[in-house]
Structure formats: structure tokens, C-alpha cells
Amino acid sequence: MSLGPWQIFLIFLIILVLFGAGKLPQVMGDLGKGIRSLRKELKDGKLAHNNDESNN
């Protein structure tokens, strides 16, 4: 299940209304940092999990 163009537009519009145009770059930057952090933790967790299995 993926997001279509209308759904992405609607999400962007809701964010714009909630936070305003002035804070939008800051909100998007924070969102990007959060996504990068999540990906890093997931990758580190998989590596740690694989190392635990190989030690047994």
C-alpha cells in the first residue's frame, strides 16, 4: 500500500495549516532527522541481532 499523489498533497496541506509556512522548513528538517535516526537504529539493531546469532 503506497501513498498516491493526492494523499501526499493532503498530508502536506494539513501540515501547512497546522504549523504555518514559517515553521514548515524546521518541521520538515526535524522529520528528516527523525527518519534518519530511525533507519540508523534499525540497521544497528539488525547488525547486533545478526552478531548475536553468529556467536551461538
N, C-alpha and C. Protein backbone atom coordinates (compact mmCIF):
# COMPACT_ATOMS: atom_id res chain seq x y z
N MET A 1 0.85 -1.17 0.00
CA MET A 1 0.00 0.00 0.00
C MET A 1 0.90 1.24 0.00
N SER A 2 0.79 2.04 -1.02
CA SER A 2 1.62 3.24 -1.12
C SER A 2 0.74 4.48 -1.17
N LEU A 3 1.36 5.59 -0.91
CA LEU A 3 0.64 6.86 -0.93
C LEU A 3 0.57 7.39 -2.35
N GLY A 4 -0.61 7.80 -2.75
CA GLY A 4 -0.78 8.41 -4.06
C GLY A 4 -0.50 9.90 -3.99
N PRO A 5 -0.47 10.55 -5.14
CA PRO A 5 -0.16 11.99 -5.16
C PRO A 5 -1.18 12.83 -4.40
N TRP A 6 -2.44 12.47 -4.46
CA TRP A 6 -3.47 13.24 -3.74
C TRP A 6 -3.32 13.09 -2.23
N GLN A 7 -2.96 11.91 -1.79
CA GLN A 7 -2.78 11.68 -0.36
C GLN A 7 -1.57 12.45 0.17
N ILE A 8 -0.49 12.47 -0.60
CA ILE A 8 0.69 13.23 -0.20
C ILE A 8 0.36 14.72 -0.16
N PHE A 9 -0.37 15.21 -1.15
CA PHE A 9 -0.78 16.61 -1.18
C PHE A 9 -1.64 16.95 0.03
N LEU A 10 -2.56 16.08 0.38
CA LEU A 10 -3.44 16.32 1.52
C LEU A 10 -2.65 16.35 2.83
N ILE A 11 -1.71 15.45 2.99
CA ILE A 11 -0.87 15.44 4.19
C ILE A 11 -0.06 16.73 4.27
N PHE A 12 0.54 17.15 3.15
CA PHE A 12 1.31 18.39 3.11
C PHE A 12 0.43 19.58 3.46
N LEU A 13 -0.78 19.61 2.95
CA LEU A 13 -1.71 20.71 3.22
C LEU A 13 -2.08 20.76 4.70
N ILE A 14 -2.33 19.62 5.30
CA ILE A 14 -2.67 19.57 6.73
C ILE A 14 -1.49 20.06 7.57
N ILE A 15 -0.29 19.63 7.23
CA ILE A 15 0.90 20.08 7.96
C ILE A 15 1.06 21.58 7.81
N LEU A 16 0.84 22.10 6.61
CA LEU A 16 0.96 23.53 6.36
C LEU A 16 -0.05 24.31 7.20
N VAL A 17 -1.26 23.83 7.30
CA VAL A 17 -2.29 24.51 8.10
C VAL A 17 -1.95 24.44 9.59
N LEU A 18 -1.48 23.29 10.05
CA LEU A 18 -1.18 23.14 11.48
C LEU A 18 0.01 23.97 11.93
N PHE A 19 1.07 23.98 11.15
CA PHE A 19 2.31 24.61 11.58
C PHE A 19 2.58 25.96 10.95
N GLY A 20 1.92 26.28 9.86
CA GLY A 20 2.16 27.55 9.18
C GLY A 20 3.37 27.47 8.27
N ALA A 21 3.45 28.41 7.34
CA ALA A 21 4.52 28.39 6.34
C ALA A 21 5.87 28.72 6.97
N GLY A 22 5.90 29.51 8.02
CA GLY A 22 7.16 29.91 8.64
C GLY A 22 7.89 28.77 9.32
N LYS A 23 7.15 27.86 9.93
CA LYS A 23 7.78 26.76 10.67
C LYS A 23 7.93 25.51 9.82
N LEU A 24 7.42 25.52 8.63
CA LEU A 24 7.44 24.32 7.79
C LEU A 24 8.86 23.80 7.54
N PRO A 25 9.84 24.64 7.18
CA PRO A 25 11.20 24.10 6.97
C PRO A 25 11.78 23.44 8.23
N GLN A 26 11.52 24.01 9.38
CA GLN A 26 12.01 23.43 10.63
C GLN A 26 11.34 22.08 10.90
N VAL A 27 10.04 22.01 10.68
CA VAL A 27 9.31 20.76 10.92
C VAL A 27 9.81 19.67 9.97
N MET A 28 10.01 20.01 8.70
CA MET A 28 10.49 19.02 7.73
C MET A 28 11.91 18.57 8.07
N GLY A 29 12.74 19.50 8.53
CA GLY A 29 14.10 19.13 8.94
C GLY A 29 14.10 18.18 10.12
N ASP A 30 13.25 18.46 11.09
CA ASP A 30 13.14 17.58 12.26
C ASP A 30 12.61 16.21 11.86
N LEU A 31 11.67 16.19 10.93
CA LEU A 31 11.12 14.92 10.44
C LEU A 31 12.21 14.12 9.75
N GLY A 32 13.01 14.78 8.93
CA GLY A 32 14.12 14.10 8.25
C GLY A 32 15.13 13.53 9.23
N LYS A 33 15.46 14.30 10.27
CA LYS A 33 16.39 13.81 11.29
C LYS A 33 15.82 12.59 12.00
N GLY A 34 14.53 12.63 12.28
CA GLY A 34 13.89 11.50 12.95
C GLY A 34 13.91 10.25 12.09
N ILE A 35 13.66 10.41 10.80
CA ILE A 35 13.67 9.26 9.90
C ILE A 35 15.07 8.68 9.78
N ARG A 36 16.08 9.56 9.66
CA ARG A 36 17.47 9.09 9.59
C ARG A 36 17.85 8.34 10.86
N SER A 37 17.44 8.87 12.00
CA SER A 37 17.75 8.23 13.27
C SER A 37 17.08 6.85 13.37
N LEU A 38 15.83 6.78 12.93
CA LEU A 38 15.11 5.51 12.96
C LEU A 38 15.79 4.48 12.06
N ARG A 39 16.17 4.89 10.86
CA ARG A 39 16.85 3.96 9.95
C ARG A 39 18.16 3.48 10.53
N LYS A 40 18.91 4.39 11.16
CA LYS A 40 20.20 4.03 11.76
C LYS A 40 19.99 3.01 12.88
N GLU A 41 19.01 3.26 13.73
CA GLU A 41 18.75 2.34 14.84
C GLU A 41 18.28 0.99 14.34
N LEU A 42 17.45 0.97 13.30
CA LEU A 42 17.00 -0.30 12.75
C LEU A 42 18.18 -1.07 12.16
N LYS A 43 19.06 -0.37 11.46
CA LYS A 43 20.24 -1.01 10.88
C LYS A 43 21.16 -1.54 11.97
N ASP A 44 21.40 -0.73 13.00
CA ASP A 44 22.26 -1.17 14.11
C ASP A 44 21.64 -2.34 14.85
N GLY A 45 20.35 -2.34 15.00
CA GLY A 45 19.66 -3.43 15.67
C GLY A 45 19.77 -4.73 14.89
N LYS A 46 19.66 -4.65 13.57
CA LYS A 46 19.79 -5.84 12.74
C LYS A 46 21.21 -6.38 12.81
N LEU A 47 22.20 -5.47 12.79
CA LEU A 47 23.59 -5.91 12.88
C LEU A 47 23.86 -6.58 14.22
N ALA A 48 23.36 -6.01 15.29
CA ALA A 48 23.56 -6.59 16.62
C ALA A 48 22.86 -7.94 16.72
N HIS A 49 21.67 -8.04 16.14
CA HIS A 49 20.92 -9.29 16.16
C HIS A 49 21.67 -10.37 15.38
N ASN A 50 22.22 -10.01 14.22
CA ASN A 50 22.97 -10.97 13.42
C ASN A 50 24.24 -11.41 14.14
N ASN A 51 24.90 -10.51 14.84
CA ASN A 51 26.11 -10.86 15.59
C ASN A 51 25.78 -11.81 16.74
N ASP A 52 24.65 -11.61 17.39
CA ASP A 52 24.24 -12.50 18.49
C ASP A 52 24.00 -13.91 17.97
N GLU A 53 23.37 -14.03 16.81
CA GLU A 53 23.09 -15.35 16.24
C GLU A 53 24.36 -16.06 15.81
N SER A 54 25.33 -15.32 15.28
CA SER A 54 26.56 -15.95 14.80
C SER A 54 27.45 -16.40 15.96
N ASN A 55 27.30 -15.79 17.13
CA ASN A 55 28.10 -16.18 18.29
C ASN A 55 27.59 -17.47 18.93
N ASN A 56 26.37 -17.87 18.66
CA ASN A 56 25.79 -19.06 19.28
C ASN A 56 26.07 -20.27 18.49
